[in-house]
Amino acid sequence: MGRFVLKRLADAILTAFLVFSFVFFAMRILPGDPVIAMLGDRANAQTIENVRRTLGLDQPLLVQYGRFLWGLLHFDLGQSLVNGVDVTATMLRHLPYTIMLTLASTVIGILIGVPVGVASAMRPSGGVDHSSRLVSLFGSALPDFYLGLILLIVFGLKLGWFPLLGGGDTAFDLRYLVLPAMTLGLLKGCGLMRLTRTAVLDVSGRDYVRTARALGTPERVVVWKHIVRNALIPITTQLSLMIVATLGGTIAIELVFNRPGVGQLLVGAVTARDYSLIQGGLVLLSMLVVLVNLATDLLYVVIDPRVKGA
């Protein structure tokens, strides 16, 4: 077990290093000069050169790269090119809003997708099966921002049950969290519903399931111990993909609900051409994706210990 964990941890560190390096060099080959974008076209050459020297952009690329990696080791993402604020502190201020939205929508997706998917697979071609497949198909085709606008108009504007826009005083303010979390959770639940149904149907036809039923094992035990548990590997994979997609999908939802998360911060940074803030946001989101993938690999071992030998 320890060897497996160390191997996966080493893989995660290597992946993070490659992703961070890609982000750094990708930002450097983008067209345009970040200093000119910050100061404007009318800035004189001396001012541009002074700012470039202050920010360390006049140094060789490999020196900048070394400083970038050294900063990452110390959780230092640099300073904003636009207003000079600390990028790490800015990201940590906005990150809880994105994490809470991701976690809440994931829980909603699980509570909807897994039970309905299991019920659908247990009675193929039944009423629940037909209804869930129709809802899943509709949800998969519906854009998340469009559903968000519908929920915002109905429950925020018409009924007045929830605040229209904003994130509240803290990321844990449920009044501002419900609508955006429901938007993402309902749509992610539709995809999870379909995947759960397929996985459960596949496991239901296995020999050990038929043997358990032939031995008179109670159906409840057969379903949850023999079928659902063995279907958890593909479901867990889908969950990790759902979390990763949600981290990226929060950008549109945060804009719709004016939620002050990392997604909205990145959009503002792109608009202002704040390269340091963009780079910091991409690094932070990449780190979260790597951590999600690492947690998924470790969860596989808990679900099925045979994965250690794979």
Protein backbone atom coordinates (compact mmCIF):
# COMPACT_ATOMS: atom_id res chain seq x y z
CA MET A 1 0.00 0.00 0.00
CA GLY A 2 2.77 2.41 0.95
CA ARG A 3 4.65 1.69 -2.25
CA PHE A 4 1.53 2.34 -4.32
CA VAL A 5 0.90 5.66 -2.56
CA LEU A 6 4.51 6.79 -3.07
CA LYS A 7 4.35 5.88 -6.76
CA ARG A 8 1.13 7.82 -7.27
CA LEU A 9 2.52 10.75 -5.28
CA ALA A 10 5.64 10.80 -7.47
CA ASP A 11 3.47 10.70 -10.59
CA ALA A 12 1.40 13.62 -9.26
CA ILE A 13 4.52 15.70 -8.53
CA LEU A 14 5.92 15.02 -12.02
CA THR A 15 2.58 15.88 -13.62
CA ALA A 16 2.35 19.11 -11.62
CA PHE A 17 5.89 20.07 -12.64
CA LEU A 18 5.15 19.49 -16.34
CA VAL A 19 1.86 21.39 -16.18
CA PHE A 20 3.38 24.34 -14.32
CA SER A 21 6.25 24.47 -16.83
CA PHE A 22 3.79 24.42 -19.71
CA VAL A 23 1.82 27.30 -18.16
CA PHE A 24 4.99 29.35 -17.70
CA PHE A 25 6.30 28.93 -21.24
CA ALA A 26 2.83 29.25 -22.80
CA MET A 27 2.42 32.64 -21.12
CA ARG A 28 5.80 33.73 -22.49
CA ILE A 29 5.05 32.88 -26.13
CA LEU A 30 1.71 34.69 -26.21
CA PRO A 31 1.71 37.69 -28.57
CA GLY A 32 2.00 41.14 -27.05
CA ASP A 33 4.10 42.73 -24.32
CA PRO A 34 2.56 42.54 -20.81
CA VAL A 35 4.32 45.75 -19.75
CA ILE A 36 2.97 47.70 -22.74
CA ALA A 37 -0.45 46.17 -22.09
CA MET A 38 -0.22 47.41 -18.50
CA LEU A 39 1.14 50.91 -19.21
CA GLY A 40 -0.57 51.58 -22.53
CA ASP A 41 0.83 52.41 -25.95
CA ARG A 42 1.64 56.00 -24.97
CA ALA A 43 4.21 55.08 -22.32
CA ASN A 44 7.74 56.14 -23.20
CA ALA A 45 10.54 53.63 -23.74
CA GLN A 46 12.35 54.53 -20.50
CA THR A 47 9.27 53.91 -18.37
CA ILE A 48 8.63 50.60 -20.11
CA GLU A 49 12.22 49.51 -19.54
CA ASN A 50 12.12 50.51 -15.85
CA VAL A 51 8.92 48.55 -15.22
CA ARG A 52 10.28 45.55 -17.12
CA ARG A 53 13.42 45.64 -14.96
CA THR A 54 11.37 45.98 -11.76
CA LEU A 55 9.28 42.94 -12.67
CA GLY A 56 12.32 40.91 -13.71
CA LEU A 57 11.10 40.57 -17.30
CA ASP A 58 14.42 41.86 -18.65
CA GLN A 59 16.24 38.75 -17.41
CA PRO A 60 16.94 35.65 -19.56
CA LEU A 61 14.03 33.23 -19.93
CA LEU A 62 15.72 30.43 -17.97
CA VAL A 63 16.41 32.83 -15.09
CA GLN A 64 12.74 33.83 -15.06
CA TYR A 65 11.80 30.14 -15.15
CA GLY A 66 14.06 29.37 -12.19
CA ARG A 67 12.55 32.25 -10.20
CA PHE A 68 9.08 30.99 -11.11
CA LEU A 69 9.82 27.46 -9.81
CA TRP A 70 11.49 28.84 -6.68
CA GLY A 71 8.45 31.00 -6.04
CA LEU A 72 6.15 27.98 -6.38
CA LEU A 73 8.15 26.12 -3.73
CA HIS A 74 7.46 29.04 -1.39
CA PHE A 75 3.83 29.47 -2.50
CA ASP A 76 4.78 32.78 -4.10
CA LEU A 77 2.97 33.41 -7.39
CA GLY A 78 4.38 36.89 -7.82
CA GLN A 79 2.64 40.25 -8.00
CA SER A 80 -0.11 41.55 -10.25
CA LEU A 81 1.20 43.52 -13.21
CA VAL A 82 -1.80 45.86 -13.04
CA ASN A 83 -2.18 46.87 -9.39
CA GLY A 84 0.85 45.27 -7.71
CA VAL A 85 -1.15 43.12 -5.26
CA ASP A 86 0.16 39.74 -4.15
CA VAL A 87 -1.21 37.07 -6.51
CA THR A 88 -1.14 34.28 -3.91
CA ALA A 89 -3.13 36.32 -1.38
CA THR A 90 -5.61 37.34 -4.07
CA MET A 91 -6.12 33.74 -5.18
CA LEU A 92 -6.56 32.49 -1.62
CA ARG A 93 -9.23 35.14 -1.09
CA HIS A 94 -11.24 33.96 -4.09
CA LEU A 95 -10.47 30.22 -3.95
CA PRO A 96 -12.94 29.29 -1.15
CA TYR A 97 -15.86 30.50 -3.30
CA THR A 98 -14.83 28.19 -6.14
CA ILE A 99 -14.10 25.22 -3.87
CA MET A 100 -17.41 25.53 -2.03
CA LEU A 101 -19.29 25.73 -5.33
CA THR A 102 -17.44 22.68 -6.66
CA LEU A 103 -18.02 20.61 -3.51
CA ALA A 104 -21.69 21.57 -3.16
CA SER A 105 -22.49 20.88 -6.82
CA THR A 106 -20.63 17.54 -6.63
CA VAL A 107 -22.66 16.45 -3.59
CA ILE A 108 -25.88 17.42 -5.37
CA GLY A 109 -24.78 15.51 -8.47
CA ILE A 110 -24.03 12.40 -6.40
CA LEU A 111 -27.32 12.55 -4.48
CA ILE A 112 -29.23 12.78 -7.76
CA GLY A 113 -27.17 10.69 -10.15
CA VAL A 114 -26.20 7.59 -8.16
CA PRO A 115 -29.57 6.62 -6.55
CA VAL A 116 -31.56 7.34 -9.71
CA GLY A 117 -28.99 5.51 -11.85
CA VAL A 118 -29.13 2.44 -9.59
CA ALA A 119 -32.96 2.47 -9.52
CA SER A 120 -33.03 2.82 -13.30
CA ALA A 121 -30.67 -0.12 -13.82
CA MET A 122 -32.55 -2.38 -11.41
CA ARG A 123 -35.72 -2.11 -13.50
CA PRO A 124 -34.67 -1.67 -17.13
CA SER A 125 -37.38 -0.32 -19.44
CA GLY A 126 -39.50 0.61 -16.43
CA GLY A 127 -41.04 3.97 -15.67
CA VAL A 128 -38.05 5.22 -13.67
CA ASP A 129 -35.68 4.05 -16.39
CA HIS A 130 -37.51 5.81 -19.22
CA SER A 131 -37.96 9.01 -17.20
CA SER A 132 -34.34 9.14 -16.02
CA ARG A 133 -32.97 8.53 -19.51
CA LEU A 134 -35.13 11.33 -20.89
CA VAL A 135 -34.07 13.73 -18.13
CA SER A 136 -30.43 12.72 -18.55
CA LEU A 137 -30.55 13.35 -22.30
CA PHE A 138 -32.19 16.74 -21.78
CA GLY A 139 -29.73 17.74 -19.06
CA SER A 140 -26.73 16.74 -21.15
CA ALA A 141 -27.86 19.04 -23.96
CA LEU A 142 -28.71 22.05 -21.76
CA PRO A 143 -25.95 24.68 -21.37
CA ASP A 144 -25.11 25.36 -17.73
CA PHE A 145 -25.29 29.15 -18.04
CA TYR A 146 -28.79 28.87 -19.58
CA LEU A 147 -30.07 26.75 -16.69
CA GLY A 148 -28.42 29.21 -14.31
CA LEU A 149 -30.29 32.12 -15.86
CA ILE A 150 -33.58 30.19 -15.61
CA LEU A 151 -33.06 29.41 -11.91
CA LEU A 152 -31.94 32.98 -11.28
CA ILE A 153 -35.07 34.44 -12.88
CA VAL A 154 -37.52 31.98 -11.29
CA PHE A 155 -36.18 31.58 -7.75
CA GLY A 156 -34.28 34.84 -7.40
CA LEU A 157 -36.26 37.41 -9.36
CA LYS A 158 -39.83 36.06 -9.43
CA LEU A 159 -40.12 34.18 -6.13
CA GLY A 160 -37.42 36.09 -4.25
CA TRP A 161 -36.27 32.99 -2.35
CA PHE A 162 -32.58 33.64 -2.90
CA PRO A 163 -30.36 36.69 -3.47
CA LEU A 164 -29.91 37.53 -7.13
CA LEU A 165 -26.16 38.10 -7.37
CA GLY A 166 -22.98 37.99 -5.32
CA GLY A 167 -21.20 35.55 -3.05
CA GLY A 168 -22.15 36.78 0.40
CA ASP A 169 -19.83 37.86 3.18
CA THR A 170 -18.08 34.47 3.15
CA ALA A 171 -17.89 31.49 0.79
CA PHE A 172 -20.03 29.52 3.25
CA ASP A 173 -23.11 31.74 2.89
CA LEU A 174 -25.70 29.18 1.75
CA ARG A 175 -28.13 31.81 0.47
CA TYR A 176 -25.70 32.73 -2.30
CA LEU A 177 -24.51 29.15 -2.83
CA VAL A 178 -27.77 27.28 -3.48
CA LEU A 179 -28.63 28.50 -6.99
CA PRO A 180 -25.17 28.19 -8.59
CA ALA A 181 -24.62 24.82 -6.88
CA MET A 182 -28.01 23.56 -8.06
CA THR A 183 -27.21 24.71 -11.59
CA LEU A 184 -24.01 22.70 -11.82
CA GLY A 185 -25.22 19.84 -9.62
CA LEU A 186 -28.37 19.13 -11.64
CA LEU A 187 -26.47 18.99 -14.91
CA LYS A 188 -23.60 16.91 -13.52
CA GLY A 189 -26.13 14.60 -11.90
CA CYS A 190 -27.62 13.88 -15.33
CA GLY A 191 -24.29 12.63 -16.65
CA LEU A 192 -23.60 10.64 -13.49
CA MET A 193 -27.08 9.13 -13.69
CA ARG A 194 -26.39 7.76 -17.16
CA LEU A 195 -22.94 6.43 -16.23
CA THR A 196 -24.22 4.79 -13.03
CA ARG A 197 -26.99 3.03 -14.94
CA THR A 198 -24.51 1.65 -17.48
CA ALA A 199 -22.03 0.51 -14.80
CA VAL A 200 -24.71 -1.17 -12.68
CA LEU A 201 -26.21 -2.96 -15.68
CA ASP A 202 -22.76 -4.25 -16.62
CA VAL A 203 -22.04 -5.60 -13.13
CA SER A 204 -25.55 -7.06 -12.74
CA GLY A 205 -24.81 -9.64 -15.42
CA ARG A 206 -21.64 -10.96 -13.78
CA ASP A 207 -21.43 -14.56 -12.53
CA TYR A 208 -20.85 -13.66 -8.88
CA VAL A 209 -24.09 -11.63 -8.83
CA ARG A 210 -26.09 -14.55 -10.24
CA THR A 211 -24.41 -16.87 -7.73
CA ALA A 212 -25.28 -14.58 -4.82
CA ARG A 213 -28.92 -14.53 -5.87
CA ALA A 214 -28.96 -18.31 -6.37
CA LEU A 215 -27.69 -18.74 -2.80
CA GLY A 216 -30.66 -16.77 -1.51
CA THR A 217 -28.79 -13.62 -0.55
CA PRO A 218 -31.26 -10.80 0.23
CA GLU A 219 -31.74 -8.51 -2.78
CA ARG A 220 -30.74 -5.44 -0.78
CA VAL A 221 -27.37 -7.04 0.01
CA VAL A 222 -26.92 -8.16 -3.60
CA VAL A 223 -27.60 -4.67 -4.91
CA TRP A 224 -25.45 -2.62 -2.53
CA LYS A 225 -22.66 -5.08 -1.64
CA HIS A 226 -22.16 -7.03 -4.85
CA ILE A 227 -23.44 -4.73 -7.60
CA VAL A 228 -23.06 -1.11 -6.53
CA ARG A 229 -19.72 -1.63 -4.77
CA ASN A 230 -18.19 -3.27 -7.85
CA ALA A 231 -19.63 -0.52 -10.06
CA LEU A 232 -17.91 2.18 -7.99
CA ILE A 233 -14.67 2.19 -10.02
CA PRO A 234 -16.21 3.68 -13.20
CA ILE A 235 -18.49 5.84 -11.05
CA THR A 236 -15.49 7.19 -9.13
CA THR A 237 -13.71 7.91 -12.41
CA GLN A 238 -16.74 9.84 -13.61
CA LEU A 239 -16.86 11.72 -10.31
CA SER A 240 -13.24 12.83 -10.67
CA LEU A 241 -13.91 13.98 -14.23
CA MET A 242 -17.02 15.76 -12.99
CA ILE A 243 -15.06 17.62 -10.31
CA VAL A 244 -12.38 18.63 -12.82
CA ALA A 245 -15.02 19.79 -15.31
CA THR A 246 -16.80 21.69 -12.55
CA LEU A 247 -13.60 23.55 -11.65
CA GLY A 248 -13.50 24.79 -15.24
CA GLY A 249 -17.25 25.17 -15.56
CA THR A 250 -17.47 27.51 -12.60
CA ILE A 251 -16.17 30.34 -14.80
CA ALA A 252 -19.48 30.72 -16.67
CA ILE A 253 -21.58 30.16 -13.54
CA GLU A 254 -19.56 32.62 -11.47
CA LEU A 255 -20.13 35.21 -14.18
CA VAL A 256 -23.88 34.52 -14.32
CA PHE A 257 -24.28 34.76 -10.54
CA ASN A 258 -21.49 37.34 -10.04
CA ARG A 259 -19.83 34.96 -7.58
CA PRO A 260 -16.32 36.18 -6.64
CA GLY A 261 -14.47 32.94 -7.35
CA VAL A 262 -11.28 32.13 -9.22
CA GLY A 263 -13.16 31.85 -12.52
CA GLN A 264 -14.48 35.39 -12.38
CA LEU A 265 -11.07 36.61 -11.23
CA LEU A 266 -9.43 34.99 -14.26
CA VAL A 267 -11.89 36.60 -16.65
CA GLY A 268 -11.09 40.00 -15.14
CA ALA A 269 -7.37 39.26 -15.41
CA VAL A 270 -7.70 38.34 -19.09
CA THR A 271 -9.65 41.53 -19.75
CA ALA A 272 -6.98 43.61 -18.00
CA ARG A 273 -4.15 41.57 -19.59
CA ASP A 274 -2.75 40.87 -16.14
CA TYR A 275 -0.36 38.08 -17.11
CA SER A 276 0.84 37.36 -13.57
CA LEU A 277 -2.70 36.92 -12.29
CA ILE A 278 -3.63 34.73 -15.27
CA GLN A 279 -0.54 32.59 -14.72
CA GLY A 280 -1.27 32.29 -11.00
CA GLY A 281 -4.88 31.29 -11.63
CA LEU A 282 -3.90 28.63 -14.15
CA VAL A 283 -1.26 27.25 -11.79
CA LEU A 284 -3.74 27.10 -8.92
CA LEU A 285 -6.47 25.38 -10.96
CA SER A 286 -3.91 22.95 -12.39
CA MET A 287 -2.77 22.11 -8.87
CA LEU A 288 -6.35 21.38 -7.83
CA VAL A 289 -6.83 19.09 -10.84
CA VAL A 290 -3.64 17.16 -9.99
CA LEU A 291 -4.81 16.77 -6.37
CA VAL A 292 -8.23 15.52 -7.51
CA ASN A 293 -6.59 12.92 -9.76
CA LEU A 294 -4.27 11.83 -6.93
CA ALA A 295 -7.20 11.48 -4.53
CA THR A 296 -9.07 9.44 -7.15
CA ASP A 297 -6.15 7.02 -7.57
CA LEU A 298 -5.94 6.53 -3.80
CA LEU A 299 -9.70 6.04 -3.57
CA TYR A 300 -9.49 3.24 -6.13
CA VAL A 301 -7.41 1.23 -3.65
CA VAL A 302 -9.99 1.70 -0.92
CA ILE A 303 -12.78 0.54 -3.24
CA ASP A 304 -10.86 -2.35 -4.82
CA PRO A 305 -7.50 -3.38 -3.24
CA ARG A 306 -6.63 -5.31 -6.43
CA VAL A 307 -5.87 -1.95 -8.07
CA LYS A 308 -2.56 -1.87 -6.16
CA GLY A 309 -1.17 -4.54 -8.44
CA ALA A 310 -2.24 -2.80 -11.64
